[in-house]
Amino acid sequence: MLKNEEIKRIFLENGFSVKEGESDLKPYVYQAARALLAGVEAELAALQQDVARYRWLRDTPDDASDFLNIRGDDFDHAIDAAMQAEPLAQQPSGNSEQLPDWPEDRGEHPQRGLGANP
């Protein structure tokens, strides 16, 4: 998160000014800057999750074709479920077939097929 000094510097470099008799920018300038940053940070977090999904699909040794018939948010949920299951499969003492629960309203699980939860 940017500090007030950094926000002030950016705004002053871009045409804002401190009013005569004032010592700083108005508080609403800092509030607006933080609101804009919060939106950008949320978008960045969503994009980073998409990148993680893409990289997982790209790098997964398994056949990623299981995911080709899934669309929209279901595609994201299927990949997320598979990504969460991966550490379970790598544990030597755990059941390698154990996958996270799959909501019944999502239909066919990409790795289990119909009958989502064993």
N, C-alpha and C. Protein backbone atom coordinates (compact mmCIF):
# COMPACT_ATOMS: atom_id res chain seq x y z
N MET A 1 0.85 -1.17 0.00
CA MET A 1 0.00 0.00 0.00
C MET A 1 0.90 1.23 0.00
N LEU A 2 0.53 2.16 -0.83
CA LEU A 2 1.32 3.39 -0.91
C LEU A 2 1.12 4.25 0.35
N LYS A 3 2.19 4.87 0.77
CA LYS A 3 2.12 5.81 1.90
C LYS A 3 1.64 7.17 1.38
N ASN A 4 1.16 8.00 2.29
CA ASN A 4 0.67 9.33 1.90
C ASN A 4 1.72 10.14 1.15
N GLU A 5 2.98 10.01 1.57
CA GLU A 5 4.04 10.78 0.91
C GLU A 5 4.17 10.38 -0.56
N GLU A 6 4.04 9.08 -0.84
CA GLU A 6 4.14 8.61 -2.22
C GLU A 6 2.93 9.07 -3.04
N ILE A 7 1.75 8.99 -2.45
CA ILE A 7 0.54 9.46 -3.14
C ILE A 7 0.66 10.95 -3.44
N LYS A 8 1.11 11.70 -2.47
CA LYS A 8 1.24 13.15 -2.63
C LYS A 8 2.23 13.46 -3.76
N ARG A 9 3.36 12.78 -3.76
CA ARG A 9 4.36 13.01 -4.80
C ARG A 9 3.78 12.74 -6.19
N ILE A 10 3.06 11.64 -6.34
CA ILE A 10 2.48 11.29 -7.63
C ILE A 10 1.46 12.35 -8.07
N PHE A 11 0.61 12.78 -7.15
CA PHE A 11 -0.40 13.77 -7.51
C PHE A 11 0.23 15.12 -7.83
N LEU A 12 1.23 15.51 -7.07
CA LEU A 12 1.90 16.79 -7.35
C LEU A 12 2.63 16.75 -8.68
N GLU A 13 3.21 15.60 -9.03
CA GLU A 13 3.89 15.45 -10.33
C GLU A 13 2.91 15.47 -11.50
N ASN A 14 1.63 15.29 -11.19
CA ASN A 14 0.63 15.21 -12.24
C ASN A 14 -0.39 16.35 -12.18
N GLY A 15 0.04 17.49 -11.69
CA GLY A 15 -0.77 18.69 -11.80
C GLY A 15 -1.55 19.11 -10.57
N PHE A 16 -1.61 18.29 -9.56
CA PHE A 16 -2.30 18.70 -8.34
C PHE A 16 -1.42 19.70 -7.60
N SER A 17 -2.03 20.49 -6.75
CA SER A 17 -1.26 21.42 -5.94
C SER A 17 -1.88 21.51 -4.55
N VAL A 18 -1.02 21.87 -3.62
CA VAL A 18 -1.49 22.12 -2.27
C VAL A 18 -2.02 23.54 -2.25
N LYS A 19 -3.23 23.72 -1.79
CA LYS A 19 -3.88 25.03 -1.77
C LYS A 19 -3.11 25.99 -0.86
N GLU A 20 -3.15 27.24 -1.25
CA GLU A 20 -2.48 28.27 -0.46
C GLU A 20 -3.03 28.27 0.96
N GLY A 21 -2.14 28.31 1.92
CA GLY A 21 -2.52 28.28 3.32
C GLY A 21 -2.69 26.87 3.87
N GLU A 22 -2.60 25.87 3.01
CA GLU A 22 -2.71 24.47 3.44
C GLU A 22 -1.31 23.86 3.46
N SER A 23 -1.15 22.78 4.19
CA SER A 23 0.16 22.12 4.24
C SER A 23 0.16 20.77 3.53
N ASP A 24 -1.01 20.35 3.07
CA ASP A 24 -1.09 19.02 2.47
C ASP A 24 -2.28 18.98 1.52
N LEU A 25 -2.34 17.90 0.74
CA LEU A 25 -3.51 17.66 -0.10
C LEU A 25 -4.70 17.36 0.80
N LYS A 26 -5.88 17.52 0.27
CA LYS A 26 -7.10 17.25 1.03
C LYS A 26 -7.19 15.74 1.32
N PRO A 27 -7.77 15.36 2.45
CA PRO A 27 -7.89 13.94 2.79
C PRO A 27 -8.62 13.12 1.73
N TYR A 28 -9.59 13.72 1.05
CA TYR A 28 -10.33 12.95 0.04
C TYR A 28 -9.46 12.54 -1.14
N VAL A 29 -8.34 13.25 -1.36
CA VAL A 29 -7.42 12.86 -2.43
C VAL A 29 -6.77 11.52 -2.08
N TYR A 30 -6.34 11.39 -0.84
CA TYR A 30 -5.74 10.13 -0.38
C TYR A 30 -6.78 8.99 -0.38
N GLN A 31 -8.01 9.32 0.05
CA GLN A 31 -9.08 8.32 0.05
C GLN A 31 -9.36 7.84 -1.37
N ALA A 32 -9.43 8.77 -2.31
CA ALA A 32 -9.71 8.40 -3.71
C ALA A 32 -8.57 7.55 -4.27
N ALA A 33 -7.34 7.93 -3.96
CA ALA A 33 -6.19 7.17 -4.45
C ALA A 33 -6.23 5.75 -3.90
N ARG A 34 -6.55 5.59 -2.63
CA ARG A 34 -6.62 4.25 -2.03
C ARG A 34 -7.77 3.43 -2.61
N ALA A 35 -8.89 4.09 -2.91
CA ALA A 35 -10.02 3.38 -3.53
C ALA A 35 -9.62 2.88 -4.92
N LEU A 36 -8.92 3.69 -5.68
CA LEU A 36 -8.45 3.26 -7.00
C LEU A 36 -7.47 2.10 -6.88
N LEU A 37 -6.56 2.21 -5.94
CA LEU A 37 -5.58 1.14 -5.73
C LEU A 37 -6.24 -0.16 -5.29
N ALA A 38 -7.27 -0.07 -4.47
CA ALA A 38 -7.96 -1.28 -4.02
C ALA A 38 -8.58 -2.01 -5.21
N GLY A 39 -9.15 -1.26 -6.14
CA GLY A 39 -9.71 -1.88 -7.34
C GLY A 39 -8.65 -2.54 -8.19
N VAL A 40 -7.53 -1.87 -8.34
CA VAL A 40 -6.42 -2.41 -9.13
C VAL A 40 -5.84 -3.65 -8.45
N GLU A 41 -5.70 -3.60 -7.13
CA GLU A 41 -5.17 -4.76 -6.39
C GLU A 41 -6.10 -5.96 -6.51
N ALA A 42 -7.41 -5.73 -6.48
CA ALA A 42 -8.36 -6.84 -6.64
C ALA A 42 -8.25 -7.44 -8.04
N GLU A 43 -8.14 -6.59 -9.04
CA GLU A 43 -7.97 -7.06 -10.42
C GLU A 43 -6.67 -7.83 -10.57
N LEU A 44 -5.61 -7.32 -9.96
CA LEU A 44 -4.32 -8.01 -10.01
C LEU A 44 -4.40 -9.39 -9.38
N ALA A 45 -5.07 -9.50 -8.24
CA ALA A 45 -5.21 -10.78 -7.56
C ALA A 45 -5.96 -11.78 -8.45
N ALA A 46 -7.00 -11.32 -9.13
CA ALA A 46 -7.76 -12.20 -10.03
C ALA A 46 -6.89 -12.64 -11.20
N LEU A 47 -6.12 -11.72 -11.75
CA LEU A 47 -5.23 -12.06 -12.86
C LEU A 47 -4.12 -13.03 -12.42
N GLN A 48 -3.61 -12.84 -11.22
CA GLN A 48 -2.58 -13.74 -10.71
C GLN A 48 -3.14 -15.15 -10.54
N GLN A 49 -4.40 -15.27 -10.13
CA GLN A 49 -5.02 -16.59 -10.01
C GLN A 49 -5.17 -17.22 -11.39
N ASP A 50 -5.56 -16.42 -12.40
CA ASP A 50 -5.66 -16.94 -13.76
C ASP A 50 -4.30 -17.40 -14.27
N VAL A 51 -3.25 -16.65 -13.96
CA VAL A 51 -1.90 -17.04 -14.37
C VAL A 51 -1.51 -18.36 -13.71
N ALA A 52 -1.83 -18.50 -12.42
CA ALA A 52 -1.52 -19.74 -11.71
C ALA A 52 -2.24 -20.92 -12.35
N ARG A 53 -3.51 -20.71 -12.75
CA ARG A 53 -4.26 -21.79 -13.41
C ARG A 53 -3.62 -22.15 -14.73
N TYR A 54 -3.28 -21.15 -15.52
CA TYR A 54 -2.66 -21.40 -16.82
C TYR A 54 -1.35 -22.17 -16.64
N ARG A 55 -0.51 -21.71 -15.72
CA ARG A 55 0.78 -22.37 -15.52
C ARG A 55 0.60 -23.79 -15.02
N TRP A 56 -0.40 -24.01 -14.16
CA TRP A 56 -0.65 -25.36 -13.68
C TRP A 56 -1.06 -26.25 -14.86
N LEU A 57 -1.97 -25.76 -15.70
CA LEU A 57 -2.39 -26.54 -16.87
C LEU A 57 -1.21 -26.80 -17.79
N ARG A 58 -0.41 -25.78 -18.02
CA ARG A 58 0.75 -25.91 -18.91
C ARG A 58 1.74 -26.92 -18.38
N ASP A 59 1.96 -26.92 -17.08
CA ASP A 59 3.03 -27.72 -16.49
C ASP A 59 2.57 -29.05 -15.92
N THR A 60 1.27 -29.30 -15.88
CA THR A 60 0.79 -30.54 -15.27
C THR A 60 1.19 -31.73 -16.13
N PRO A 61 1.70 -32.78 -15.49
CA PRO A 61 2.10 -33.96 -16.26
C PRO A 61 0.90 -34.78 -16.70
N ASP A 62 -0.25 -34.57 -16.06
CA ASP A 62 -1.44 -35.33 -16.42
C ASP A 62 -2.04 -34.80 -17.71
N ASP A 63 -2.95 -35.55 -18.26
CA ASP A 63 -3.63 -35.17 -19.49
C ASP A 63 -4.61 -34.04 -19.19
N ALA A 64 -4.31 -32.85 -19.64
CA ALA A 64 -5.16 -31.68 -19.39
C ALA A 64 -6.41 -31.69 -20.25
N SER A 65 -6.55 -32.64 -21.16
CA SER A 65 -7.73 -32.68 -22.02
C SER A 65 -9.00 -32.94 -21.21
N ASP A 66 -8.87 -33.41 -19.97
CA ASP A 66 -10.04 -33.60 -19.10
C ASP A 66 -10.80 -32.30 -18.91
N PHE A 67 -10.14 -31.18 -19.08
CA PHE A 67 -10.74 -29.88 -18.82
C PHE A 67 -11.35 -29.23 -20.05
N LEU A 68 -11.17 -29.81 -21.22
CA LEU A 68 -11.56 -29.15 -22.46
C LEU A 68 -13.06 -28.98 -22.64
N ASN A 69 -13.88 -29.81 -22.01
CA ASN A 69 -15.33 -29.72 -22.17
C ASN A 69 -15.99 -28.89 -21.08
N ILE A 70 -15.21 -28.21 -20.29
CA ILE A 70 -15.74 -27.40 -19.19
C ILE A 70 -15.61 -25.93 -19.59
N ARG A 71 -16.63 -25.15 -19.30
CA ARG A 71 -16.63 -23.74 -19.73
C ARG A 71 -16.86 -22.80 -18.55
N GLY A 72 -16.49 -21.55 -18.77
CA GLY A 72 -16.79 -20.47 -17.82
C GLY A 72 -16.19 -20.69 -16.45
N ASP A 73 -16.96 -20.27 -15.44
CA ASP A 73 -16.50 -20.39 -14.06
C ASP A 73 -16.26 -21.84 -13.66
N ASP A 74 -17.02 -22.76 -14.27
CA ASP A 74 -16.82 -24.18 -13.97
C ASP A 74 -15.40 -24.61 -14.32
N PHE A 75 -14.85 -24.04 -15.39
CA PHE A 75 -13.48 -24.34 -15.80
C PHE A 75 -12.51 -23.93 -14.71
N ASP A 76 -12.69 -22.70 -14.20
CA ASP A 76 -11.83 -22.21 -13.11
C ASP A 76 -11.96 -23.10 -11.88
N HIS A 77 -13.20 -23.44 -11.51
CA HIS A 77 -13.42 -24.27 -10.32
C HIS A 77 -12.80 -25.66 -10.48
N ALA A 78 -12.89 -26.21 -11.67
CA ALA A 78 -12.30 -27.53 -11.91
C ALA A 78 -10.78 -27.49 -11.76
N ILE A 79 -10.17 -26.47 -12.32
CA ILE A 79 -8.71 -26.35 -12.21
C ILE A 79 -8.31 -26.10 -10.77
N ASP A 80 -9.07 -25.22 -10.08
CA ASP A 80 -8.76 -24.95 -8.67
C ASP A 80 -8.84 -26.23 -7.85
N ALA A 81 -9.87 -27.03 -8.09
CA ALA A 81 -10.01 -28.29 -7.35
C ALA A 81 -8.84 -29.22 -7.64
N ALA A 82 -8.44 -29.31 -8.89
CA ALA A 82 -7.31 -30.17 -9.25
C ALA A 82 -6.01 -29.65 -8.66
N MET A 83 -5.84 -28.33 -8.66
CA MET A 83 -4.62 -27.74 -8.09
C MET A 83 -4.55 -28.02 -6.58
N GLN A 84 -5.69 -27.94 -5.90
CA GLN A 84 -5.72 -28.20 -4.46
C GLN A 84 -5.47 -29.68 -4.18
N ALA A 85 -5.87 -30.54 -5.08
CA ALA A 85 -5.71 -31.98 -4.89
C ALA A 85 -4.27 -32.41 -5.10
N GLU A 86 -3.51 -31.67 -5.88
CA GLU A 86 -2.16 -32.08 -6.24
C GLU A 86 -1.27 -32.36 -5.04
N PRO A 87 -1.22 -31.50 -4.01
CA PRO A 87 -0.36 -31.83 -2.86
C PRO A 87 -0.80 -33.11 -2.17
N LEU A 88 -2.11 -33.40 -2.15
CA LEU A 88 -2.59 -34.63 -1.53
C LEU A 88 -2.04 -35.85 -2.26
N ALA A 89 -2.00 -35.76 -3.59
CA ALA A 89 -1.53 -36.88 -4.39
C ALA A 89 -0.03 -37.11 -4.21
N GLN A 90 0.70 -36.09 -3.80
CA GLN A 90 2.14 -36.20 -3.67
C GLN A 90 2.56 -36.72 -2.30
N GLN A 91 1.60 -36.80 -1.35
CA GLN A 91 1.93 -37.29 -0.02
C GLN A 91 2.04 -38.81 -0.05
N PRO A 92 3.17 -39.38 0.37
CA PRO A 92 3.36 -40.82 0.28
C PRO A 92 2.38 -41.62 1.13
N SER A 93 1.99 -41.13 2.30
CA SER A 93 1.12 -41.90 3.17
C SER A 93 -0.35 -41.65 2.90
N GLY A 94 -0.69 -40.65 2.08
CA GLY A 94 -2.08 -40.33 1.81
C GLY A 94 -2.65 -41.12 0.66
N ASN A 95 -3.94 -41.03 0.50
CA ASN A 95 -4.62 -41.68 -0.60
C ASN A 95 -4.47 -40.81 -1.84
N SER A 96 -3.80 -41.30 -2.87
CA SER A 96 -3.53 -40.49 -4.05
C SER A 96 -4.78 -40.22 -4.86
N GLU A 97 -5.87 -40.95 -4.58
CA GLU A 97 -7.12 -40.72 -5.29
C GLU A 97 -7.98 -39.67 -4.61
N GLN A 98 -7.56 -39.18 -3.45
CA GLN A 98 -8.35 -38.23 -2.70
C GLN A 98 -8.35 -36.89 -3.39
N LEU A 99 -9.55 -36.39 -3.71
CA LEU A 99 -9.71 -35.09 -4.34
C LEU A 99 -10.65 -34.26 -3.49
N PRO A 100 -10.56 -32.94 -3.56
CA PRO A 100 -11.45 -32.11 -2.76
C PRO A 100 -12.90 -32.27 -3.23
N ASP A 101 -13.82 -31.94 -2.31
CA ASP A 101 -15.24 -32.03 -2.65
C ASP A 101 -15.55 -31.16 -3.85
N TRP A 102 -16.50 -31.62 -4.62
CA TRP A 102 -16.93 -30.94 -5.84
C TRP A 102 -18.41 -30.66 -5.69
N PRO A 103 -18.85 -29.40 -5.77
CA PRO A 103 -20.27 -29.09 -5.59
C PRO A 103 -21.12 -29.85 -6.61
N GLU A 104 -22.19 -30.46 -6.14
CA GLU A 104 -23.03 -31.27 -7.01
C GLU A 104 -23.62 -30.47 -8.16
N ASP A 105 -23.88 -29.18 -7.93
CA ASP A 105 -24.48 -28.37 -9.01
C ASP A 105 -23.48 -28.04 -10.11
N ARG A 106 -22.24 -28.44 -9.96
CA ARG A 106 -21.22 -28.20 -10.98
C ARG A 106 -21.19 -29.30 -12.04
N GLY A 107 -21.94 -30.38 -11.80
CA GLY A 107 -21.98 -31.44 -12.80
C GLY A 107 -20.77 -32.36 -12.70
N GLU A 108 -20.26 -32.75 -13.83
CA GLU A 108 -19.19 -33.75 -13.90
C GLU A 108 -17.86 -33.18 -13.42
N HIS A 109 -17.22 -33.92 -12.51
CA HIS A 109 -15.89 -33.54 -12.03
C HIS A 109 -14.88 -33.94 -13.10
N PRO A 110 -13.91 -33.10 -13.41
CA PRO A 110 -12.97 -33.39 -14.50
C PRO A 110 -12.13 -34.64 -14.27
N GLN A 111 -11.92 -35.04 -13.02
CA GLN A 111 -11.10 -36.21 -12.76
C GLN A 111 -11.90 -37.40 -12.26
N ARG A 112 -13.10 -37.18 -11.72
CA ARG A 112 -13.91 -38.26 -11.18
C ARG A 112 -15.06 -38.64 -12.09
N GLY A 113 -15.47 -37.73 -12.98
CA GLY A 113 -16.63 -37.97 -13.80
C GLY A 113 -17.90 -37.66 -13.01
N LEU A 114 -19.01 -38.24 -13.40
CA LEU A 114 -20.27 -38.01 -12.71
C LEU A 114 -20.23 -38.69 -11.35
N GLY A 115 -21.11 -38.24 -10.46
CA GLY A 115 -21.04 -38.76 -9.09
C GLY A 115 -19.91 -38.07 -8.39
N ALA A 116 -19.95 -36.76 -8.36
CA ALA A 116 -18.85 -35.90 -7.98
C ALA A 116 -18.11 -36.29 -6.71
N ASN A 117 -18.82 -36.60 -5.65
CA ASN A 117 -18.13 -36.89 -4.39
C ASN A 117 -18.20 -38.38 -4.09
N PRO A 118 -17.04 -39.02 -3.86
CA PRO A 118 -17.01 -40.47 -3.61
C PRO A 118 -17.71 -40.83 -2.30
